[in-house]
Structures are given as structure tokens and as C-alpha cells.
Amino acid sequence: MKDYVITISRTFGSGGKRIAKNLADKLGIRYYNKGIKSIRSDNVNIKDLLSEGAGDTIEPESTFVYDKELFEKQSKVINLLADSESCIIVGRCADYVLAGRPNVFSFFIDAPKDFRVKNIAKRMKVSEEMAERYEAASDKYRKDFYESYTGRVFGDPANYDMCFDAQEMDPEQIEEAILDYVINKLDMEE
């Protein structure tokens, strides 16, 4: 099979990161998430970006601050990853950074706010009130980050091959739909 990249964008609490990790395990490829976010140097060792483990940060992300140089460094790493291996990249505008490249498949995972707040409360073991604050802060950060760097609307279905509602489909169904889509597209190209 040809090398390929799956990008997954998601709202906080939708389960997108867990789905990415499960897909990576099923496909026997790496997934990249937080490691790309922390890159601030031109001297990047790709091996240091191995999958970081489970769970988003406990604290909601801070207020978004535009940093073009940082985004360019992260974009460079995303392109290096795409050039070097099949992988899954979560967030970091990877759908935009890799747009137009062959064998790149982009997906968006969302769910209604009340569903996501309940997931956040359960996963983080906090009250729903606290979970709602985490959801609001994280999604504002993600929206601001995406829209500032891409000029696109965060979550717009036109930016992705497929979009999923995690309330309507369980994670395994979403994973299978993504797998079927990617495998069928790669088979059509051979």
C-alpha cells in the first residue's frame, strides 16, 4: 500500500483523539498529536514526536496568541512527517498544511455541546460546570488557531473528506468508516 496521511480535526470532548489513536493501532502506523504543538526549534528530531499517550491536557488551553514563525515550524514538521511515513496527525491545521498532496485524507469529528460536556466531565472526573468551562476554552482556542492560520472556518465540511457526529456514531463505527474510505480511495489509485 502507498504511504498516506490521515488528518483528524475535532472539537474537545468528541473523542477524536481516541479515535485517532485506535486507528493508528489498527493500521500499525504512528499518530502525532501534542509533540507537534511543542515544537519551537528548527532542529527537530522526528523520532522525538512518537505518540504521546492518552488524554488531552487537564487545563484548558491558554488564550490563543498568533505566532507565524511557530506555525511555519510546525507546518514544516507536518510536511516532513508526510514525506517520511504513513501516519495520523491530530489537529495543528494538518488538513490545511497538507491540502493538495496525494494520499492525504482529512476528517472532522464533532458532537453536540451537551454530549461533549458529559464526556469531558466523565473523562476528567470534574463537574459538568467545570467541563463546560474546559469545553468553551479549548474549542475557542482551536477555532481561533485554525481560522487565524488557514483563513478557513473551523469545522466547515468543505475542508474535509468526511465529517462525523460522535453522538450519532460510536467510536468504532467512525473508525470503520474512516478505514473503509481510506482503503477504498487507495485501492482506486492502484
C-alpha atoms as a PDB file:
ATOM      1  CA  MET A   1       0.000   0.000   0.000  1.00  0.00           C
ATOM      2  CA  LYS A   2       1.175   3.519  -0.773  1.00  0.00           C
ATOM      3  CA  ASP A   3       2.139   5.895   2.021  1.00  0.00           C
ATOM      4  CA  TYR A   4      -0.754   8.023   3.211  1.00  0.00           C
ATOM      5  CA  VAL A   5      -1.629  10.536   5.902  1.00  0.00           C
ATOM      6  CA  ILE A   6      -4.874  10.797   7.825  1.00  0.00           C
ATOM      7  CA  THR A   7      -5.585  14.147   9.453  1.00  0.00           C
ATOM      8  CA  ILE A   8      -8.164  14.421  12.190  1.00  0.00           C
ATOM      9  CA  SER A   9      -9.573  17.698  13.438  1.00  0.00           C
ATOM     10  CA  ARG A  10     -12.004  17.619  16.305  1.00  0.00           C
ATOM     11  CA  THR A  11     -13.907  19.516  18.919  1.00  0.00           C
ATOM     12  CA  PHE A  12     -12.966  18.996  22.560  1.00  0.00           C
ATOM     13  CA  GLY A  13     -14.825  16.079  24.108  1.00  0.00           C
ATOM     14  CA  SER A  14     -15.863  14.484  20.808  1.00  0.00           C
ATOM     15  CA  GLY A  15     -13.406  11.588  21.192  1.00  0.00           C
ATOM     16  CA  GLY A  16     -11.386  12.480  18.105  1.00  0.00           C
ATOM     17  CA  LYS A  17      -8.008  11.906  19.690  1.00  0.00           C
ATOM     18  CA  ARG A  18      -9.020   8.469  20.996  1.00  0.00           C
ATOM     19  CA  ILE A  19     -10.330   7.577  17.535  1.00  0.00           C
ATOM     20  CA  ALA A  20      -7.008   8.679  16.002  1.00  0.00           C
ATOM     21  CA  LYS A  21      -5.062   6.526  18.450  1.00  0.00           C
ATOM     22  CA  ASN A  22      -7.287   3.492  17.814  1.00  0.00           C
ATOM     23  CA  LEU A  23      -6.977   3.945  14.049  1.00  0.00           C
ATOM     24  CA  ALA A  24      -3.207   4.168  14.326  1.00  0.00           C
ATOM     25  CA  ASP A  25      -3.148   0.941  16.345  1.00  0.00           C
ATOM     26  CA  LYS A  26      -5.389  -0.846  13.806  1.00  0.00           C
ATOM     27  CA  LEU A  27      -3.294   0.354  10.874  1.00  0.00           C
ATOM     28  CA  GLY A  28       0.059  -0.212  12.555  1.00  0.00           C
ATOM     29  CA  ILE A  29       1.158   3.391  11.977  1.00  0.00           C
ATOM     30  CA  ARG A  30       2.101   6.249  14.286  1.00  0.00           C
ATOM     31  CA  TYR A  31      -0.113   9.097  15.312  1.00  0.00           C
ATOM     32  CA  TYR A  32       1.131  12.551  16.194  1.00  0.00           C
ATOM     33  CA  ASN A  33      -0.612  14.994  18.452  1.00  0.00           C
ATOM     34  CA  LYS A  34       0.865  17.128  21.224  1.00  0.00           C
ATOM     35  CA  GLY A  35       4.503  16.721  20.194  1.00  0.00           C
ATOM     36  CA  ILE A  36       3.971  18.850  17.099  1.00  0.00           C
ATOM     37  CA  LYS A  37       2.383  21.550  19.233  1.00  0.00           C
ATOM     38  CA  SER A  38       5.507  21.884  21.382  1.00  0.00           C
ATOM     39  CA  ILE A  39       7.952  22.374  18.506  1.00  0.00           C
ATOM     40  CA  ARG A  40       9.764  25.674  18.806  1.00  0.00           C
ATOM     41  CA  SER A  41      13.098  24.827  17.212  1.00  0.00           C
ATOM     42  CA  ASP A  42      14.372  24.286  13.687  1.00  0.00           C
ATOM     43  CA  ASN A  43      16.359  21.294  14.969  1.00  0.00           C
ATOM     44  CA  VAL A  44      13.611  18.689  15.145  1.00  0.00           C
ATOM     45  CA  ASN A  45      14.216  15.007  15.626  1.00  0.00           C
ATOM     46  CA  ILE A  46      11.205  13.245  14.115  1.00  0.00           C
ATOM     47  CA  LYS A  47      11.782  10.268  16.425  1.00  0.00           C
ATOM     48  CA  ASP A  48      11.024  12.542  19.378  1.00  0.00           C
ATOM     49  CA  LEU A  49       7.484  13.020  18.065  1.00  0.00           C
ATOM     50  CA  LEU A  50       6.287   9.482  18.732  1.00  0.00           C
ATOM     51  CA  SER A  51       2.722   9.223  20.004  1.00  0.00           C
ATOM     52  CA  GLU A  52       2.429  10.939  23.341  1.00  0.00           C
ATOM     53  CA  GLY A  53      -0.124   8.763  25.151  1.00  0.00           C
ATOM     54  CA  ALA A  54      -3.694   9.226  26.268  1.00  0.00           C
ATOM     55  CA  GLY A  55      -5.537  12.279  27.465  1.00  0.00           C
ATOM     56  CA  ASP A  56      -5.586  15.921  26.473  1.00  0.00           C
ATOM     57  CA  THR A  57      -4.028  18.383  28.866  1.00  0.00           C
ATOM     58  CA  ILE A  58      -6.051  18.761  32.044  1.00  0.00           C
ATOM     59  CA  GLU A  59      -6.107  22.550  31.942  1.00  0.00           C
ATOM     60  CA  PRO A  60      -7.907  24.243  29.062  1.00  0.00           C
ATOM     61  CA  GLU A  61      -5.548  25.695  26.513  1.00  0.00           C
ATOM     62  CA  SER A  62      -4.496  29.244  27.148  1.00  0.00           C
ATOM     63  CA  THR A  63      -5.630  32.214  25.127  1.00  0.00           C
ATOM     64  CA  PHE A  64      -4.550  31.913  21.523  1.00  0.00           C
ATOM     65  CA  VAL A  65      -1.611  34.094  20.509  1.00  0.00           C
ATOM     66  CA  TYR A  66      -0.774  34.300  16.806  1.00  0.00           C
ATOM     67  CA  ASP A  67       2.818  33.214  16.120  1.00  0.00           C
ATOM     68  CA  LYS A  68       3.511  32.884  12.383  1.00  0.00           C
ATOM     69  CA  GLU A  69       7.064  31.621  12.897  1.00  0.00           C
ATOM     70  CA  LEU A  70       5.888  28.840  15.226  1.00  0.00           C
ATOM     71  CA  PHE A  71       3.149  27.831  12.784  1.00  0.00           C
ATOM     72  CA  GLU A  72       5.682  27.684   9.936  1.00  0.00           C
ATOM     73  CA  LYS A  73       7.961  25.418  12.003  1.00  0.00           C
ATOM     74  CA  GLN A  74       5.073  23.128  12.889  1.00  0.00           C
ATOM     75  CA  SER A  75       3.969  23.065   9.234  1.00  0.00           C
ATOM     76  CA  LYS A  76       7.484  22.108   8.187  1.00  0.00           C
ATOM     77  CA  VAL A  77       7.413  19.171  10.594  1.00  0.00           C
ATOM     78  CA  ILE A  78       3.972  18.097   9.390  1.00  0.00           C
ATOM     79  CA  ASN A  79       5.288  18.058   5.819  1.00  0.00           C
ATOM     80  CA  LEU A  80       8.394  16.115   6.892  1.00  0.00           C
ATOM     81  CA  LEU A  81       6.177  13.525   8.558  1.00  0.00           C
ATOM     82  CA  ALA A  82       4.012  13.247   5.444  1.00  0.00           C
ATOM     83  CA  ASP A  83       7.148  12.780   3.332  1.00  0.00           C
ATOM     84  CA  SER A  84       8.587  10.084   5.571  1.00  0.00           C
ATOM     85  CA  GLU A  85       5.813   7.678   6.605  1.00  0.00           C
ATOM     86  CA  SER A  86       2.168   6.767   6.740  1.00  0.00           C
ATOM     87  CA  CYS A  87       0.737   8.373   9.857  1.00  0.00           C
ATOM     88  CA  ILE A  88      -2.184  10.093  11.530  1.00  0.00           C
ATOM     89  CA  ILE A  89      -1.846  13.738  12.518  1.00  0.00           C
ATOM     90  CA  VAL A  90      -4.296  15.220  15.013  1.00  0.00           C
ATOM     91  CA  GLY A  91      -5.051  18.935  14.806  1.00  0.00           C
ATOM     92  CA  ARG A  92      -2.387  21.601  14.066  1.00  0.00           C
ATOM     93  CA  CYS A  93      -4.245  22.573  10.834  1.00  0.00           C
ATOM     94  CA  ALA A  94      -2.746  19.477   9.184  1.00  0.00           C
ATOM     95  CA  ASP A  95      -5.690  19.267   6.758  1.00  0.00           C
ATOM     96  CA  TYR A  96      -4.746  22.749   5.523  1.00  0.00           C
ATOM     97  CA  VAL A  97      -0.966  22.281   5.645  1.00  0.00           C
ATOM     98  CA  LEU A  98      -1.183  19.068   3.572  1.00  0.00           C
ATOM     99  CA  ALA A  99      -4.005  20.177   1.242  1.00  0.00           C
ATOM    100  CA  GLY A 100      -3.428  19.205  -2.378  1.00  0.00           C
ATOM    101  CA  ARG A 101      -0.969  16.425  -1.584  1.00  0.00           C
ATOM    102  CA  PRO A 102      -1.805  12.944  -2.839  1.00  0.00           C
ATOM    103  CA  ASN A 103      -2.938  10.317  -0.343  1.00  0.00           C
ATOM    104  CA  VAL A 104      -3.937  12.770   2.370  1.00  0.00           C
ATOM    105  CA  PHE A 105      -7.336  12.134   3.927  1.00  0.00           C
ATOM    106  CA  SER A 106      -8.913  14.666   6.264  1.00  0.00           C
ATOM    107  CA  PHE A 107     -11.715  14.096   8.759  1.00  0.00           C
ATOM    108  CA  PHE A 108     -13.582  16.208  11.304  1.00  0.00           C
ATOM    109  CA  ILE A 109     -15.178  14.787  14.441  1.00  0.00           C
ATOM    110  CA  ASP A 110     -17.750  16.787  16.368  1.00  0.00           C
ATOM    111  CA  ALA A 111     -20.780  16.251  18.609  1.00  0.00           C
ATOM    112  CA  PRO A 112     -23.389  18.469  20.225  1.00  0.00           C
ATOM    113  CA  LYS A 113     -22.079  20.519  23.125  1.00  0.00           C
ATOM    114  CA  ASP A 114     -24.075  18.741  25.852  1.00  0.00           C
ATOM    115  CA  PHE A 115     -22.758  15.357  24.696  1.00  0.00           C
ATOM    116  CA  ARG A 116     -19.167  16.635  24.705  1.00  0.00           C
ATOM    117  CA  VAL A 117     -19.535  18.282  28.124  1.00  0.00           C
ATOM    118  CA  LYS A 118     -20.732  14.975  29.606  1.00  0.00           C
ATOM    119  CA  ASN A 119     -17.768  13.167  28.011  1.00  0.00           C
ATOM    120  CA  ILE A 120     -15.330  15.746  29.369  1.00  0.00           C
ATOM    121  CA  ALA A 121     -16.822  15.563  32.877  1.00  0.00           C
ATOM    122  CA  LYS A 122     -16.618  11.771  32.878  1.00  0.00           C
ATOM    123  CA  ARG A 123     -13.112  11.542  31.415  1.00  0.00           C
ATOM    124  CA  MET A 124     -11.614  14.304  33.535  1.00  0.00           C
ATOM    125  CA  LYS A 125     -13.655  13.484  36.660  1.00  0.00           C
ATOM    126  CA  VAL A 126     -14.921  17.040  37.058  1.00  0.00           C
ATOM    127  CA  SER A 127     -18.368  18.604  37.415  1.00  0.00           C
ATOM    128  CA  GLU A 128     -20.352  19.347  34.264  1.00  0.00           C
ATOM    129  CA  GLU A 129     -19.997  23.047  35.092  1.00  0.00           C
ATOM    130  CA  MET A 130     -16.205  22.732  35.101  1.00  0.00           C
ATOM    131  CA  ALA A 131     -16.319  20.544  31.981  1.00  0.00           C
ATOM    132  CA  GLU A 132     -18.334  23.234  30.209  1.00  0.00           C
ATOM    133  CA  ARG A 133     -15.617  25.774  31.010  1.00  0.00           C
ATOM    134  CA  TYR A 134     -12.943  23.419  29.634  1.00  0.00           C
ATOM    135  CA  GLU A 135     -15.027  22.831  26.503  1.00  0.00           C
ATOM    136  CA  ALA A 136     -15.568  26.544  25.889  1.00  0.00           C
ATOM    137  CA  ALA A 137     -11.911  27.478  26.411  1.00  0.00           C
ATOM    138  CA  SER A 138     -10.484  24.599  24.372  1.00  0.00           C
ATOM    139  CA  ASP A 139     -12.838  24.992  21.453  1.00  0.00           C
ATOM    140  CA  LYS A 140     -12.341  28.754  21.345  1.00  0.00           C
ATOM    141  CA  TYR A 141      -8.583  28.171  21.218  1.00  0.00           C
ATOM    142  CA  ARG A 142      -8.920  25.541  18.463  1.00  0.00           C
ATOM    143  CA  LYS A 143     -11.273  27.751  16.429  1.00  0.00           C
ATOM    144  CA  ASP A 144      -9.039  30.824  16.790  1.00  0.00           C
ATOM    145  CA  PHE A 145      -5.909  28.810  15.972  1.00  0.00           C
ATOM    146  CA  TYR A 146      -7.420  27.188  12.871  1.00  0.00           C
ATOM    147  CA  GLU A 147      -9.089  30.287  11.495  1.00  0.00           C
ATOM    148  CA  SER A 148      -6.108  32.586  12.125  1.00  0.00           C
ATOM    149  CA  TYR A 149      -3.646  30.380  10.260  1.00  0.00           C
ATOM    150  CA  THR A 150      -5.842  28.998   7.498  1.00  0.00           C
ATOM    151  CA  GLY A 151      -8.397  31.707   6.720  1.00  0.00           C
ATOM    152  CA  ARG A 152     -10.945  28.884   6.726  1.00  0.00           C
ATOM    153  CA  VAL A 153     -13.885  28.242   9.048  1.00  0.00           C
ATOM    154  CA  PHE A 154     -13.152  25.637  11.735  1.00  0.00           C
ATOM    155  CA  GLY A 155     -15.378  22.606  11.235  1.00  0.00           C
ATOM    156  CA  ASP A 156     -16.589  23.603   7.755  1.00  0.00           C
ATOM    157  CA  PRO A 157     -17.376  20.293   5.991  1.00  0.00           C
ATOM    158  CA  ALA A 158     -15.838  21.656   2.762  1.00  0.00           C
ATOM    159  CA  ASN A 159     -12.404  21.348   4.419  1.00  0.00           C
ATOM    160  CA  TYR A 160     -12.653  17.592   4.988  1.00  0.00           C
ATOM    161  CA  ASP A 161     -13.268  14.334   3.153  1.00  0.00           C
ATOM    162  CA  MET A 162     -15.836  13.344   5.779  1.00  0.00           C
ATOM    163  CA  CYS A 163     -17.324  14.739   8.985  1.00  0.00           C
ATOM    164  CA  PHE A 164     -18.738  12.698  11.859  1.00  0.00           C
ATOM    165  CA  ASP A 165     -21.148  13.325  14.724  1.00  0.00           C
ATOM    166  CA  ALA A 166     -19.800  11.320  17.677  1.00  0.00           C
ATOM    167  CA  GLN A 167     -23.212  11.344  19.330  1.00  0.00           C
ATOM    168  CA  GLU A 168     -24.764   9.565  16.343  1.00  0.00           C
ATOM    169  CA  MET A 169     -21.961   7.047  15.761  1.00  0.00           C
ATOM    170  CA  ASP A 170     -19.900   5.221  18.340  1.00  0.00           C
ATOM    171  CA  PRO A 171     -16.106   5.467  18.033  1.00  0.00           C
ATOM    172  CA  GLU A 172     -15.775   2.040  16.423  1.00  0.00           C
ATOM    173  CA  GLN A 173     -18.265   2.979  13.687  1.00  0.00           C
ATOM    174  CA  ILE A 174     -16.343   6.179  12.966  1.00  0.00           C
ATOM    175  CA  GLU A 175     -13.062   4.263  12.871  1.00  0.00           C
ATOM    176  CA  GLU A 176     -14.509   1.700  10.446  1.00  0.00           C
ATOM    177  CA  ALA A 177     -15.955   4.424   8.195  1.00  0.00           C
ATOM    178  CA  ILE A 178     -12.570   6.162   8.043  1.00  0.00           C
ATOM    179  CA  LEU A 179     -10.760   2.878   7.378  1.00  0.00           C
ATOM    180  CA  ASP A 180     -13.187   1.923   4.605  1.00  0.00           C
ATOM    181  CA  TYR A 181     -12.884   5.345   2.984  1.00  0.00           C
ATOM    182  CA  VAL A 182      -9.084   5.425   3.047  1.00  0.00           C
ATOM    183  CA  ILE A 183      -8.650   1.830   1.875  1.00  0.00           C
ATOM    184  CA  ASN A 184     -11.162   2.277  -0.960  1.00  0.00           C
ATOM    185  CA  LYS A 185      -9.504   5.503  -2.128  1.00  0.00           C
ATOM    186  CA  LEU A 186      -6.030   3.956  -2.043  1.00  0.00           C
ATOM    187  CA  ASP A 187      -7.260   0.852  -3.890  1.00  0.00           C
ATOM    188  CA  MET A 188      -8.838   3.028  -6.599  1.00  0.00           C
ATOM    189  CA  GLU A 189      -5.483   4.708  -7.244  1.00  0.00           C
ATOM    190  CA  GLU A 190      -3.587   1.449  -7.769  1.00  0.00           C
END
